[in-house]
C-alpha cells in the first residue's frame, strides 16, 4: 500500500503502536533515493517531526533509528474499507457485485437545529 502526503500513519516503536501522525510533506533529500518526510504528530501539544526515509520505509518497511526498531503503518479508515467492501484479507476479485440501490435519507441540519 503506497503512503503519500496527507495520509494518516501509525508509528510503531519497538514493534508496538506508539502514536499517530499525518504525513505533511515528502520532499527529496540531498542523498539520492531518500526523502525528507514531515510528520504532524497527533499529540498534545502537536509536534512536527522530520525523518529522512527511503521509499520502502515510508511504505511500511521496518527500519531502526539509533538501534530502536521503527515502522510506519498506513491507517485506512473503516469507512473506506466498507466502501470498497474489502478487508485486509480479501482480494478485489472476490467482492460480490450487487445491483441493489438503496435510497438515502437527507437530514437537514437547519431543521434539526429548530427542533431543539
PDB file of N, CA and C in Angstrom:
ATOM      1  N   UNK A   1       0.857  -1.178   0.000  1.00  0.00           N
ATOM      2  CA  UNK A   1       0.000   0.000   0.000  1.00  0.00           C
ATOM      3  C   UNK A   1       0.903   1.241   0.000  1.00  0.00           C
ATOM      4  N   UNK A   2       0.694   2.132  -0.932  1.00  0.00           N
ATOM      5  CA  UNK A   2       1.520   3.322  -1.058  1.00  0.00           C
ATOM      6  C   UNK A   2       1.040   4.392  -0.077  1.00  0.00           C
ATOM      7  N   UNK A   3       1.988   4.962   0.627  1.00  0.00           N
ATOM      8  CA  UNK A   3       1.703   6.026   1.588  1.00  0.00           C
ATOM      9  C   UNK A   3       2.141   7.346   0.976  1.00  0.00           C
ATOM     10  N   UNK A   4       1.295   8.380   1.096  1.00  0.00           N
ATOM     11  CA  UNK A   4       1.624   9.666   0.488  1.00  0.00           C
ATOM     12  C   UNK A   4       1.219  10.822   1.405  1.00  0.00           C
ATOM     13  N   UNK A   5       1.421  12.041   0.915  1.00  0.00           N
ATOM     14  CA  UNK A   5       1.111  13.245   1.679  1.00  0.00           C
ATOM     15  C   UNK A   5      -0.354  13.231   2.107  1.00  0.00           C
ATOM     16  N   UNK A   6      -0.612  13.639   3.328  1.00  0.00           N
ATOM     17  CA  UNK A   6      -1.924  13.727   3.984  1.00  0.00           C
ATOM     18  C   UNK A   6      -2.459  12.391   4.476  1.00  0.00           C
ATOM     19  N   UNK A   7      -1.698  11.314   4.301  1.00  0.00           N
ATOM     20  CA  UNK A   7      -2.125  10.022   4.850  1.00  0.00           C
ATOM     21  C   UNK A   7      -1.877   9.998   6.352  1.00  0.00           C
ATOM     22  N   UNK A   8      -2.718   9.266   7.042  1.00  0.00           N
ATOM     23  CA  UNK A   8      -2.559   9.050   8.473  1.00  0.00           C
ATOM     24  C   UNK A   8      -1.747   7.776   8.649  1.00  0.00           C
ATOM     25  N   UNK A   9      -0.762   7.820   9.543  1.00  0.00           N
ATOM     26  CA  UNK A   9       0.064   6.649   9.798  1.00  0.00           C
ATOM     27  C   UNK A   9       0.136   6.378  11.296  1.00  0.00           C
ATOM     28  N   UNK A  10       0.296   5.119  11.628  1.00  0.00           N
ATOM     29  CA  UNK A  10       0.550   4.711  12.998  1.00  0.00           C
ATOM     30  C   UNK A  10       2.039   4.396  13.078  1.00  0.00           C
ATOM     31  N   UNK A  11       2.733   5.027  14.000  1.00  0.00           N
ATOM     32  CA  UNK A  11       4.161   4.805  14.171  1.00  0.00           C
ATOM     33  C   UNK A  11       4.352   3.715  15.219  1.00  0.00           C
ATOM     34  N   UNK A  12       5.023   2.646  14.821  1.00  0.00           N
ATOM     35  CA  UNK A  12       5.338   1.554  15.742  1.00  0.00           C
ATOM     36  C   UNK A  12       6.776   1.728  16.221  1.00  0.00           C
ATOM     37  N   UNK A  13       6.968   1.677  17.523  1.00  0.00           N
ATOM     38  CA  UNK A  13       8.305   1.737  18.111  1.00  0.00           C
ATOM     39  C   UNK A  13       8.496   0.470  18.923  1.00  0.00           C
ATOM     40  N   UNK A  14       9.606  -0.207  18.665  1.00  0.00           N
ATOM     41  CA  UNK A  14       9.895  -1.498  19.288  1.00  0.00           C
ATOM     42  C   UNK A  14       8.736  -2.483  19.096  1.00  0.00           C
ATOM     43  N   UNK A  15       8.206  -2.497  17.854  1.00  0.00           N
ATOM     44  CA  UNK A  15       7.151  -3.428  17.432  1.00  0.00           C
ATOM     45  C   UNK A  15       5.823  -3.240  18.158  1.00  0.00           C
ATOM     46  N   UNK A  16       5.592  -2.048  18.710  1.00  0.00           N
ATOM     47  CA  UNK A  16       4.321  -1.739  19.371  1.00  0.00           C
ATOM     48  C   UNK A  16       3.812  -0.400  18.862  1.00  0.00           C
ATOM     49  N   UNK A  17       2.483  -0.270  18.614  1.00  0.00           N
ATOM     50  CA  UNK A  17       1.943   1.029  18.202  1.00  0.00           C
ATOM     51  C   UNK A  17       2.258   2.081  19.261  1.00  0.00           C
ATOM     52  N   UNK A  18       2.830   3.213  18.829  1.00  0.00           N
ATOM     53  CA  UNK A  18       3.238   4.248  19.779  1.00  0.00           C
ATOM     54  C   UNK A  18       2.423   5.537  19.650  1.00  0.00           C
ATOM     55  N   UNK A  19       2.226   6.015  18.415  1.00  0.00           N
ATOM     56  CA  UNK A  19       1.464   7.248  18.211  1.00  0.00           C
ATOM     57  C   UNK A  19       1.031   7.341  16.752  1.00  0.00           C
ATOM     58  N   UNK A  20       0.095   8.267  16.510  1.00  0.00           N
ATOM     59  CA  UNK A  20      -0.389   8.523  15.154  1.00  0.00           C
ATOM     60  C   UNK A  20       0.208   9.832  14.650  1.00  0.00           C
ATOM     61  N   UNK A  21       0.350   9.918  13.336  1.00  0.00           N
ATOM     62  CA  UNK A  21       0.847  11.140  12.704  1.00  0.00           C
ATOM     63  C   UNK A  21       0.248  11.249  11.313  1.00  0.00           C
ATOM     64  N   UNK A  22       0.201  12.487  10.825  1.00  0.00           N
ATOM     65  CA  UNK A  22      -0.225  12.726   9.442  1.00  0.00           C
ATOM     66  C   UNK A  22       1.001  13.156   8.652  1.00  0.00           C
ATOM     67  N   UNK A  23       1.178  12.596   7.479  1.00  0.00           N
ATOM     68  CA  UNK A  23       2.296  12.993   6.631  1.00  0.00           C
ATOM     69  C   UNK A  23       1.959  14.350   6.021  1.00  0.00           C
ATOM     70  N   UNK A  24       2.758  15.347   6.371  1.00  0.00           N
ATOM     71  CA  UNK A  24       2.528  16.717   5.900  1.00  0.00           C
ATOM     72  C   UNK A  24       3.228  17.002   4.576  1.00  0.00           C
ATOM     73  N   UNK A  25       4.423  16.438   4.412  1.00  0.00           N
ATOM     74  CA  UNK A  25       5.189  16.736   3.203  1.00  0.00           C
ATOM     75  C   UNK A  25       6.219  15.640   2.978  1.00  0.00           C
ATOM     76  N   UNK A  26       6.521  15.390   1.728  1.00  0.00           N
ATOM     77  CA  UNK A  26       7.586  14.466   1.341  1.00  0.00           C
ATOM     78  C   UNK A  26       8.389  15.161   0.247  1.00  0.00           C
ATOM     79  N   UNK A  27       9.644  15.499   0.551  1.00  0.00           N
ATOM     80  CA  UNK A  27      10.500  16.182  -0.418  1.00  0.00           C
ATOM     81  C   UNK A  27      11.818  15.422  -0.545  1.00  0.00           C
ATOM     82  N   UNK A  28      12.455  15.487  -1.717  1.00  0.00           N
ATOM     83  CA  UNK A  28      13.710  14.767  -1.901  1.00  0.00           C
ATOM     84  C   UNK A  28      14.797  15.255  -0.940  1.00  0.00           C
ATOM     85  N   UNK A  29      15.583  14.332  -0.458  1.00  0.00           N
ATOM     86  CA  UNK A  29      16.747  14.648   0.361  1.00  0.00           C
ATOM     87  C   UNK A  29      17.936  14.836  -0.586  1.00  0.00           C
ATOM     88  N   UNK A  30      19.039  15.367  -0.071  1.00  0.00           N
ATOM     89  CA  UNK A  30      20.226  15.534  -0.911  1.00  0.00           C
ATOM     90  C   UNK A  30      20.797  14.176  -1.323  1.00  0.00           C
ATOM     91  N   UNK A  31      20.556  13.162  -0.512  1.00  0.00           N
ATOM     92  CA  UNK A  31      21.037  11.810  -0.816  1.00  0.00           C
ATOM     93  C   UNK A  31      20.019  11.132  -1.745  1.00  0.00           C
ATOM     94  N   UNK A  32      20.470  10.702  -2.911  1.00  0.00           N
ATOM     95  CA  UNK A  32      19.591  10.096  -3.922  1.00  0.00           C
ATOM     96  C   UNK A  32      18.841   8.885  -3.349  1.00  0.00           C
ATOM     97  N   UNK A  33      17.511   8.823  -3.604  1.00  0.00           N
ATOM     98  CA  UNK A  33      16.688   7.709  -3.151  1.00  0.00           C
ATOM     99  C   UNK A  33      16.130   7.877  -1.740  1.00  0.00           C
ATOM    100  N   UNK A  34      16.456   8.979  -1.110  1.00  0.00           N
ATOM    101  CA  UNK A  34      15.971   9.250   0.250  1.00  0.00           C
ATOM    102  C   UNK A  34      15.063  10.473   0.229  1.00  0.00           C
ATOM    103  N   UNK A  35      14.156  10.546   1.207  1.00  0.00           N
ATOM    104  CA  UNK A  35      13.147  11.602   1.250  1.00  0.00           C
ATOM    105  C   UNK A  35      13.069  12.210   2.641  1.00  0.00           C
ATOM    106  N   UNK A  36      12.842  13.517   2.705  1.00  0.00           N
ATOM    107  CA  UNK A  36      12.555  14.193   3.980  1.00  0.00           C
ATOM    108  C   UNK A  36      11.047  14.123   4.170  1.00  0.00           C
ATOM    109  N   UNK A  37      10.635  13.421   5.198  1.00  0.00           N
ATOM    110  CA  UNK A  37       9.211  13.211   5.467  1.00  0.00           C
ATOM    111  C   UNK A  37       8.834  14.018   6.703  1.00  0.00           C
ATOM    112  N   UNK A  38       7.953  15.001   6.526  1.00  0.00           N
ATOM    113  CA  UNK A  38       7.470  15.803   7.649  1.00  0.00           C
ATOM    114  C   UNK A  38       6.200  15.176   8.192  1.00  0.00           C
ATOM    115  N   UNK A  39       6.210  14.884   9.479  1.00  0.00           N
ATOM    116  CA  UNK A  39       5.084  14.235  10.150  1.00  0.00           C
ATOM    117  C   UNK A  39       4.481  15.178  11.173  1.00  0.00           C
ATOM    118  N   UNK A  40       3.159  15.371  11.117  1.00  0.00           N
ATOM    119  CA  UNK A  40       2.439  16.098  12.155  1.00  0.00           C
ATOM    120  C   UNK A  40       2.040  15.051  13.186  1.00  0.00           C
ATOM    121  N   UNK A  41       2.725  15.066  14.316  1.00  0.00           N
ATOM    122  CA  UNK A  41       2.484  14.064  15.351  1.00  0.00           C
ATOM    123  C   UNK A  41       1.250  14.481  16.139  1.00  0.00           C
ATOM    124  N   UNK A  42       0.262  13.588  16.184  1.00  0.00           N
ATOM    125  CA  UNK A  42      -1.036  13.902  16.776  1.00  0.00           C
ATOM    126  C   UNK A  42      -1.003  13.643  18.280  1.00  0.00           C
ATOM    127  N   UNK A  43      -0.294  14.520  18.957  1.00  0.00           N
ATOM    128  CA  UNK A  43      -0.204  14.504  20.409  1.00  0.00           C
ATOM    129  C   UNK A  43      -0.621  15.885  20.901  1.00  0.00           C
ATOM    130  N   UNK A  44      -0.690  16.036  22.188  1.00  0.00           N
ATOM    131  CA  UNK A  44      -0.985  17.356  22.743  1.00  0.00           C
ATOM    132  C   UNK A  44       0.200  17.775  23.597  1.00  0.00           C
ATOM    133  N   UNK A  45       0.906  18.810  23.209  1.00  0.00           N
ATOM    134  CA  UNK A  45       0.722  19.662  22.030  1.00  0.00           C
ATOM    135  C   UNK A  45       1.192  18.961  20.750  1.00  0.00           C
ATOM    136  N   UNK A  46       0.686  19.467  19.616  1.00  0.00           N
ATOM    137  CA  UNK A  46       1.091  18.935  18.317  1.00  0.00           C
ATOM    138  C   UNK A  46       2.594  19.155  18.120  1.00  0.00           C
ATOM    139  N   UNK A  47       3.224  18.226  17.429  1.00  0.00           N
ATOM    140  CA  UNK A  47       4.649  18.334  17.142  1.00  0.00           C
ATOM    141  C   UNK A  47       4.888  18.003  15.674  1.00  0.00           C
ATOM    142  N   UNK A  48       5.957  18.531  15.123  1.00  0.00           N
ATOM    143  CA  UNK A  48       6.366  18.200  13.766  1.00  0.00           C
ATOM    144  C   UNK A  48       7.699  17.472  13.855  1.00  0.00           C
ATOM    145  N   UNK A  49       7.749  16.272  13.278  1.00  0.00           N
ATOM    146  CA  UNK A  49       8.995  15.514  13.162  1.00  0.00           C
ATOM    147  C   UNK A  49       9.360  15.496  11.687  1.00  0.00           C
ATOM    148  N   UNK A  50      10.627  15.577  11.372  1.00  0.00           N
ATOM    149  CA  UNK A  50      11.097  15.376  10.009  1.00  0.00           C
ATOM    150  C   UNK A  50      12.106  14.237  10.045  1.00  0.00           C
ATOM    151  N   UNK A  51      11.759  13.165   9.351  1.00  0.00           N
ATOM    152  CA  UNK A  51      12.617  11.992   9.272  1.00  0.00           C
ATOM    153  C   UNK A  51      13.083  11.835   7.842  1.00  0.00           C
ATOM    154  N   UNK A  52      14.302  11.354   7.660  1.00  0.00           N
ATOM    155  CA  UNK A  52      14.828  11.069   6.331  1.00  0.00           C
ATOM    156  C   UNK A  52      14.697   9.563   6.112  1.00  0.00           C
ATOM    157  N   UNK A  53      13.842   9.202   5.132  1.00  0.00           N
ATOM    158  CA  UNK A  53      13.486   7.795   4.915  1.00  0.00           C
ATOM    159  C   UNK A  53      13.590   7.418   3.443  1.00  0.00           C
ATOM    160  N   UNK A  54      13.704   6.122   3.196  1.00  0.00           N
ATOM    161  CA  UNK A  54      13.642   5.578   1.842  1.00  0.00           C
ATOM    162  C   UNK A  54      12.176   5.294   1.495  1.00  0.00           C
ATOM    163  N   UNK A  55      11.891   5.106   0.200  1.00  0.00           N
ATOM    164  CA  UNK A  55      10.525   4.788  -0.246  1.00  0.00           C
ATOM    165  C   UNK A  55       9.947   3.609   0.526  1.00  0.00           C
ATOM    166  N   UNK A  56      10.724   2.537   0.642  1.00  0.00           N
ATOM    167  CA  UNK A  56      10.223   1.330   1.298  1.00  0.00           C
ATOM    168  C   UNK A  56       9.854   1.595   2.753  1.00  0.00           C
ATOM    169  N   UNK A  57      10.618   2.444   3.423  1.00  0.00           N
ATOM    170  CA  UNK A  57      10.342   2.765   4.824  1.00  0.00           C
ATOM    171  C   UNK A  57       9.073   3.607   4.951  1.00  0.00           C
ATOM    172  N   UNK A  58       8.856   4.518   4.015  1.00  0.00           N
ATOM    173  CA  UNK A  58       7.630   5.327   4.012  1.00  0.00           C
ATOM    174  C   UNK A  58       6.422   4.418   3.825  1.00  0.00           C
ATOM    175  N   UNK A  59       6.600   3.351   3.055  1.00  0.00           N
ATOM    176  CA  UNK A  59       5.502   2.443   2.735  1.00  0.00           C
ATOM    177  C   UNK A  59       5.394   1.240   3.670  1.00  0.00           C
ATOM    178  N   UNK A  60       6.073   1.297   4.812  1.00  0.00           N
ATOM    179  CA  UNK A  60       5.847   0.276   5.828  1.00  0.00           C
ATOM    180  C   UNK A  60       6.975  -0.681   6.138  1.00  0.00           C
ATOM    181  N   UNK A  61       8.099  -0.580   5.440  1.00  0.00           N
ATOM    182  CA  UNK A  61       9.219  -1.466   5.750  1.00  0.00           C
ATOM    183  C   UNK A  61       9.832  -1.049   7.089  1.00  0.00           C
ATOM    184  N   UNK A  62      10.124  -2.017   7.954  1.00  0.00           N
ATOM    185  CA  UNK A  62      10.728  -1.677   9.240  1.00  0.00           C
ATOM    186  C   UNK A  62      12.151  -1.134   9.070  1.00  0.00           C
ATOM    187  N   UNK A  63      12.547  -0.260   9.993  1.00  0.00           N
ATOM    188  CA  UNK A  63      13.897   0.298   9.993  1.00  0.00           C
ATOM    189  C   UNK A  63      14.281   0.568  11.441  1.00  0.00           C
ATOM    190  N   UNK A  64      15.504   0.988  11.660  1.00  0.00           N
ATOM    191  CA  UNK A  64      15.917   1.338  13.019  1.00  0.00           C
ATOM    192  C   UNK A  64      16.383   2.782  13.048  1.00  0.00           C
ATOM    193  N   UNK A  65      16.214   3.395  14.198  1.00  0.00           N
ATOM    194  CA  UNK A  65      16.674   4.753  14.431  1.00  0.00           C
ATOM    195  C   UNK A  65      17.433   4.709  15.757  1.00  0.00           C
ATOM    196  N   UNK A  66      18.748   4.855  15.688  1.00  0.00           N
ATOM    197  CA  UNK A  66      19.554   4.744  16.889  1.00  0.00           C
ATOM    198  C   UNK A  66      19.453   3.364  17.531  1.00  0.00           C
ATOM    199  N   UNK A  67      19.243   2.342  16.702  1.00  0.00           N
ATOM    200  CA  UNK A  67      19.125   0.981  17.200  1.00  0.00           C
ATOM    201  C   UNK A  67      17.719   0.582  17.626  1.00  0.00           C
ATOM    202  N   UNK A  68      16.769   1.528  17.608  1.00  0.00           N
ATOM    203  CA  UNK A  68      15.381   1.256  18.008  1.00  0.00           C
ATOM    204  C   UNK A  68      14.550   0.886  16.779  1.00  0.00           C
ATOM    205  N   UNK A  69      13.893  -0.276  16.793  1.00  0.00           N
ATOM    206  CA  UNK A  69      13.047  -0.661  15.651  1.00  0.00           C
ATOM    207  C   UNK A  69      11.841   0.279  15.496  1.00  0.00           C
ATOM    208  N   UNK A  70      11.629   0.747  14.265  1.00  0.00           N
ATOM    209  CA  UNK A  70      10.533   1.678  13.950  1.00  0.00           C
ATOM    210  C   UNK A  70       9.860   1.208  12.672  1.00  0.00           C
ATOM    211  N   UNK A  71       8.550   1.478  12.562  1.00  0.00           N
ATOM    212  CA  UNK A  71       7.808   1.153  11.348  1.00  0.00           C
ATOM    213  C   UNK A  71       6.628   2.117  11.212  1.00  0.00           C
ATOM    214  N   UNK A  72       6.378   2.574   9.989  1.00  0.00           N
ATOM    215  CA  UNK A  72       5.196   3.380   9.686  1.00  0.00           C
ATOM    216  C   UNK A  72       4.149   2.455   9.090  1.00  0.00           C
ATOM    217  N   UNK A  73       2.927   2.518   9.607  1.00  0.00           N
ATOM    218  CA  UNK A  73       1.819   1.726   9.067  1.00  0.00           C
ATOM    219  C   UNK A  73       0.711   2.683   8.637  1.00  0.00           C
ATOM    220  N   UNK A  74       0.374   2.640   7.355  1.00  0.00           N
ATOM    221  CA  UNK A  74      -0.705   3.492   6.848  1.00  0.00           C
ATOM    222  C   UNK A  74      -2.014   3.086   7.510  1.00  0.00           C
ATOM    223  N   UNK A  75      -2.777   4.077   7.968  1.00  0.00           N
ATOM    224  CA  UNK A  75      -4.068   3.830   8.604  1.00  0.00           C
ATOM    225  C   UNK A  75      -5.156   4.072   7.565  1.00  0.00           C
ATOM    226  N   UNK A  76      -6.020   3.085   7.399  1.00  0.00           N
ATOM    227  CA  UNK A  76      -7.144   3.200   6.474  1.00  0.00           C
ATOM    228  C   UNK A  76      -8.417   3.239   7.296  1.00  0.00           C
ATOM    229  N   UNK A  77      -9.235   4.243   7.060  1.00  0.00           N
ATOM    230  CA  UNK A  77     -10.494   4.400   7.789  1.00  0.00           C
ATOM    231  C   UNK A  77     -11.393   3.193   7.583  1.00  0.00           C
ATOM    232  N   UNK A  78     -12.076   2.731   8.645  1.00  0.00           N
ATOM    233  CA  UNK A  78     -13.029   1.633   8.472  1.00  0.00           C
ATOM    234  C   UNK A  78     -14.121   1.981   7.457  1.00  0.00           C
ATOM    235  N   UNK A  79     -14.452   3.268   7.333  1.00  0.00           N
ATOM    236  CA  UNK A  79     -15.450   3.680   6.342  1.00  0.00           C
ATOM    237  C   UNK A  79     -14.938   3.432   4.928  1.00  0.00           C
ATOM    238  N   UNK A  80     -13.662   3.694   4.685  1.00  0.00           N
ATOM    239  CA  UNK A  80     -13.090   3.433   3.363  1.00  0.00           C
ATOM    240  C   UNK A  80     -13.074   1.944   3.078  1.00  0.00           C
ATOM    241  N   UNK A  81     -12.799   1.136   4.096  1.00  0.00           N
ATOM    242  CA  UNK A  81     -12.799  -0.304   3.908  1.00  0.00           C
ATOM    243  C   UNK A  81     -14.198  -0.799   3.570  1.00  0.00           C
ATOM    244  N   UNK A  82     -15.231  -0.233   4.223  1.00  0.00           N
ATOM    245  CA  UNK A  82     -16.613  -0.609   3.926  1.00  0.00           C
ATOM    246  C   UNK A  82     -16.984  -0.213   2.509  1.00  0.00           C
ATOM    247  N   UNK A  83     -16.552   0.997   2.079  1.00  0.00           N
ATOM    248  CA  UNK A  83     -16.872   1.474   0.736  1.00  0.00           C
ATOM    249  C   UNK A  83     -16.329   0.538  -0.337  1.00  0.00           C
ATOM    250  N   UNK A  84     -15.142   0.039  -0.119  1.00  0.00           N
ATOM    251  CA  UNK A  84     -14.550  -0.848  -1.115  1.00  0.00           C
ATOM    252  C   UNK A  84     -15.024  -2.277  -0.921  1.00  0.00           C
ATOM    253  N   UNK A  85     -15.571  -2.570   0.263  1.00  0.00           N
ATOM    254  CA  UNK A  85     -16.037  -3.920   0.540  1.00  0.00           C
ATOM    255  C   UNK A  85     -14.894  -4.882   0.786  1.00  0.00           C
ATOM    256  N   UNK A  86     -13.710  -4.340   1.099  1.00  0.00           N
ATOM    257  CA  UNK A  86     -12.531  -5.183   1.295  1.00  0.00           C
ATOM    258  C   UNK A  86     -12.068  -5.148   2.736  1.00  0.00           C
ATOM    259  N   UNK A  87     -11.589  -6.257   3.198  1.00  0.00           N
ATOM    260  CA  UNK A  87     -10.844  -6.277   4.448  1.00  0.00           C
ATOM    261  C   UNK A  87      -9.417  -6.600   4.064  1.00  0.00           C
ATOM    262  N   UNK A  88      -8.506  -6.528   4.994  1.00  0.00           N
ATOM    263  CA  UNK A  88      -7.102  -6.748   4.653  1.00  0.00           C
ATOM    264  C   UNK A  88      -6.845  -8.146   4.123  1.00  0.00           C
ATOM    265  N   UNK A  89      -7.736  -9.097   4.406  1.00  0.00           N
ATOM    266  CA  UNK A  89      -7.507 -10.466   3.961  1.00  0.00           C
ATOM    267  C   UNK A  89      -8.246 -10.813   2.669  1.00  0.00           C
ATOM    268  N   UNK A  90      -9.019  -9.890   2.104  1.00  0.00           N
ATOM    269  CA  UNK A  90      -9.786 -10.180   0.891  1.00  0.00           C
ATOM    270  C   UNK A  90      -9.095  -9.624  -0.337  1.00  0.00           C
ATOM    271  N   UNK A  91      -9.346 -10.237  -1.467  1.00  0.00           N
ATOM    272  CA  UNK A  91      -8.845  -9.767  -2.751  1.00  0.00           C
ATOM    273  C   UNK A  91      -9.969  -9.048  -3.478  1.00  0.00           C
ATOM    274  N   UNK A  92      -9.616  -8.121  -4.385  1.00  0.00           N
ATOM    275  CA  UNK A  92     -10.617  -7.346  -5.108  1.00  0.00           C
ATOM    276  C   UNK A  92     -11.562  -8.226  -5.916  1.00  0.00           C
ATOM    277  N   UNK A  93     -11.045  -9.258  -6.569  1.00  0.00           N
ATOM    278  CA  UNK A  93     -11.895 -10.054  -7.456  1.00  0.00           C
ATOM    279  C   UNK A  93     -12.810 -11.017  -6.698  1.00  0.00           C
ATOM    280  N   UNK A  94     -12.784 -11.018  -5.358  1.00  0.00           N
ATOM    281  CA  UNK A  94     -13.683 -11.884  -4.604  1.00  0.00           C
ATOM    282  C   UNK A  94     -14.876 -11.110  -4.038  1.00  0.00           C
ATOM    283  N   UNK A  95     -14.958  -9.810  -4.302  1.00  0.00           N
ATOM    284  CA  UNK A  95     -16.051  -8.994  -3.788  1.00  0.00           C
ATOM    285  C   UNK A  95     -17.284  -9.203  -4.653  1.00  0.00           C
ATOM    286  N   UNK A  96     -18.413  -9.606  -4.050  1.00  0.00           N
ATOM    287  CA  UNK A  96     -19.621  -9.803  -4.853  1.00  0.00           C
ATOM    288  C   UNK A  96     -20.154  -8.468  -5.387  1.00  0.00           C
ATOM    289  N   UNK A  97     -20.671  -8.499  -6.596  1.00  0.00           N
ATOM    290  CA  UNK A  97     -21.241  -7.306  -7.214  1.00  0.00           C
ATOM    291  C   UNK A  97     -22.754  -7.382  -7.078  1.00  0.00           C
ATOM    292  N   UNK A  98     -23.340  -6.286  -6.588  1.00  0.00           N
ATOM    293  CA  UNK A  98     -24.796  -6.248  -6.460  1.00  0.00           C
ATOM    294  C   UNK A  98     -25.331  -5.033  -7.195  1.00  0.00           C
ATOM    295  N   UNK A  99     -26.539  -5.162  -7.705  1.00  0.00           N
ATOM    296  CA  UNK A  99     -27.196  -4.055  -8.393  1.00  0.00           C
ATOM    297  C   UNK A  99     -28.220  -3.375  -7.496  1.00  0.00           C
ATOM    298  N   UNK A 100     -28.279  -3.769  -6.241  1.00  0.00           N
ATOM    299  CA  UNK A 100     -29.271  -3.231  -5.320  1.00  0.00           C
ATOM    300  C   UNK A 100     -28.954  -1.769  -4.992  1.00  0.00           C
ATOM    301  N   UNK A 101     -29.920  -0.901  -5.206  1.00  0.00           N
ATOM    302  CA  UNK A 101     -29.769   0.524  -4.903  1.00  0.00           C
ATOM    303  C   UNK A 101     -30.663   0.864  -3.726  1.00  0.00           C
ATOM    304  N   UNK A 102     -30.099   1.549  -2.741  1.00  0.00           N
ATOM    305  CA  UNK A 102     -30.885   1.979  -1.593  1.00  0.00           C
ATOM    306  C   UNK A 102     -30.991   3.490  -1.623  1.00  0.00           C
ATOM    307  N   UNK A 103     -32.145   3.996  -1.233  1.00  0.00           N
ATOM    308  CA  UNK A 103     -32.314   5.440  -1.200  1.00  0.00           C
ATOM    309  C   UNK A 103     -31.767   5.974   0.114  1.00  0.00           C
ATOM    310  N   UNK A 104     -31.140   7.114   0.029  1.00  0.00           N
ATOM    311  CA  UNK A 104     -30.554   7.728   1.216  1.00  0.00           C
ATOM    312  C   UNK A 104     -31.500   8.796   1.763  1.00  0.00           C
ATOM    313  N   UNK A 105     -31.526   8.934   3.064  1.00  0.00           N
ATOM    314  CA  UNK A 105     -32.350   9.945   3.701  1.00  0.00           C
ATOM    315  C   UNK A 105     -31.492  11.181   3.954  1.00  0.00           C
ATOM    316  N   UNK A 106     -31.964  12.336   3.504  1.00  0.00           N
ATOM    317  CA  UNK A 106     -31.256  13.589   3.711  1.00  0.00           C
ATOM    318  C   UNK A 106     -31.797  14.231   4.974  1.00  0.00           C
ATOM    319  N   UNK A 107     -30.897  14.573   5.871  1.00  0.00           N
ATOM    320  CA  UNK A 107     -31.284  15.204   7.129  1.00  0.00           C
ATOM    321  C   UNK A 107     -30.825  16.651   7.081  1.00  0.00           C
ATOM    322  N   UNK A 108     -31.771  17.574   7.227  1.00  0.00           N
ATOM    323  CA  UNK A 108     -31.456  18.994   7.212  1.00  0.00           C
ATOM    324  C   UNK A 108     -30.953  19.406   8.587  1.00  0.00           C
ATOM    325  N   UNK A 109     -29.745  19.948   8.627  1.00  0.00           N
ATOM    326  CA  UNK A 109     -29.196  20.415   9.902  1.00  0.00           C
ATOM    327  C   UNK A 109     -29.927  21.670  10.387  1.00  0.00           C
ATOM    328  N   UNK A 110     -30.433  22.465   9.454  1.00  0.00           N
ATOM    329  CA  UNK A 110     -31.179  23.668   9.827  1.00  0.00           C
ATOM    330  C   UNK A 110     -32.471  23.271  10.540  1.00  0.00           C
ATOM    331  N   UNK A 111     -33.213  22.304   9.955  1.00  0.00           N
ATOM    332  CA  UNK A 111     -34.455  21.851  10.584  1.00  0.00           C
ATOM    333  C   UNK A 111     -34.175  21.175  11.921  1.00  0.00           C
ATOM    334  N   UNK A 112     -33.099  20.452  12.004  1.00  0.00           N
ATOM    335  CA  UNK A 112     -32.745  19.755  13.245  1.00  0.00           C
ATOM    336  C   UNK A 112     -32.459  20.752  14.350  1.00  0.00           C
ATOM    337  N   UNK A 113     -31.808  21.865  14.014  1.00  0.00           N
ATOM    338  CA  UNK A 113     -31.472  22.893  14.998  1.00  0.00           C
ATOM    339  C   UNK A 113     -32.742  23.572  15.505  1.00  0.00           C
ATOM    340  N   UNK A 114     -33.754  23.750  14.627  1.00  0.00           N
ATOM    341  CA  UNK A 114     -35.004  24.403  15.023  1.00  0.00           C
ATOM    342  C   UNK A 114     -35.782  23.555  16.018  1.00  0.00           C
ATOM    343  N   UNK A 115     -35.659  22.222  15.937  1.00  0.00           N
ATOM    344  CA  UNK A 115     -36.393  21.329  16.830  1.00  0.00           C
ATOM    345  C   UNK A 115     -35.941  21.458  18.275  1.00  0.00           C
ATOM    346  N   UNK A 116     -34.722  21.844  18.507  1.00  0.00           N
ATOM    347  CA  UNK A 116     -34.187  21.903  19.887  1.00  0.00           C
ATOM    348  C   UNK A 116     -34.603  23.123  20.634  1.00  0.00           C
TER     349      UNK A 116
END
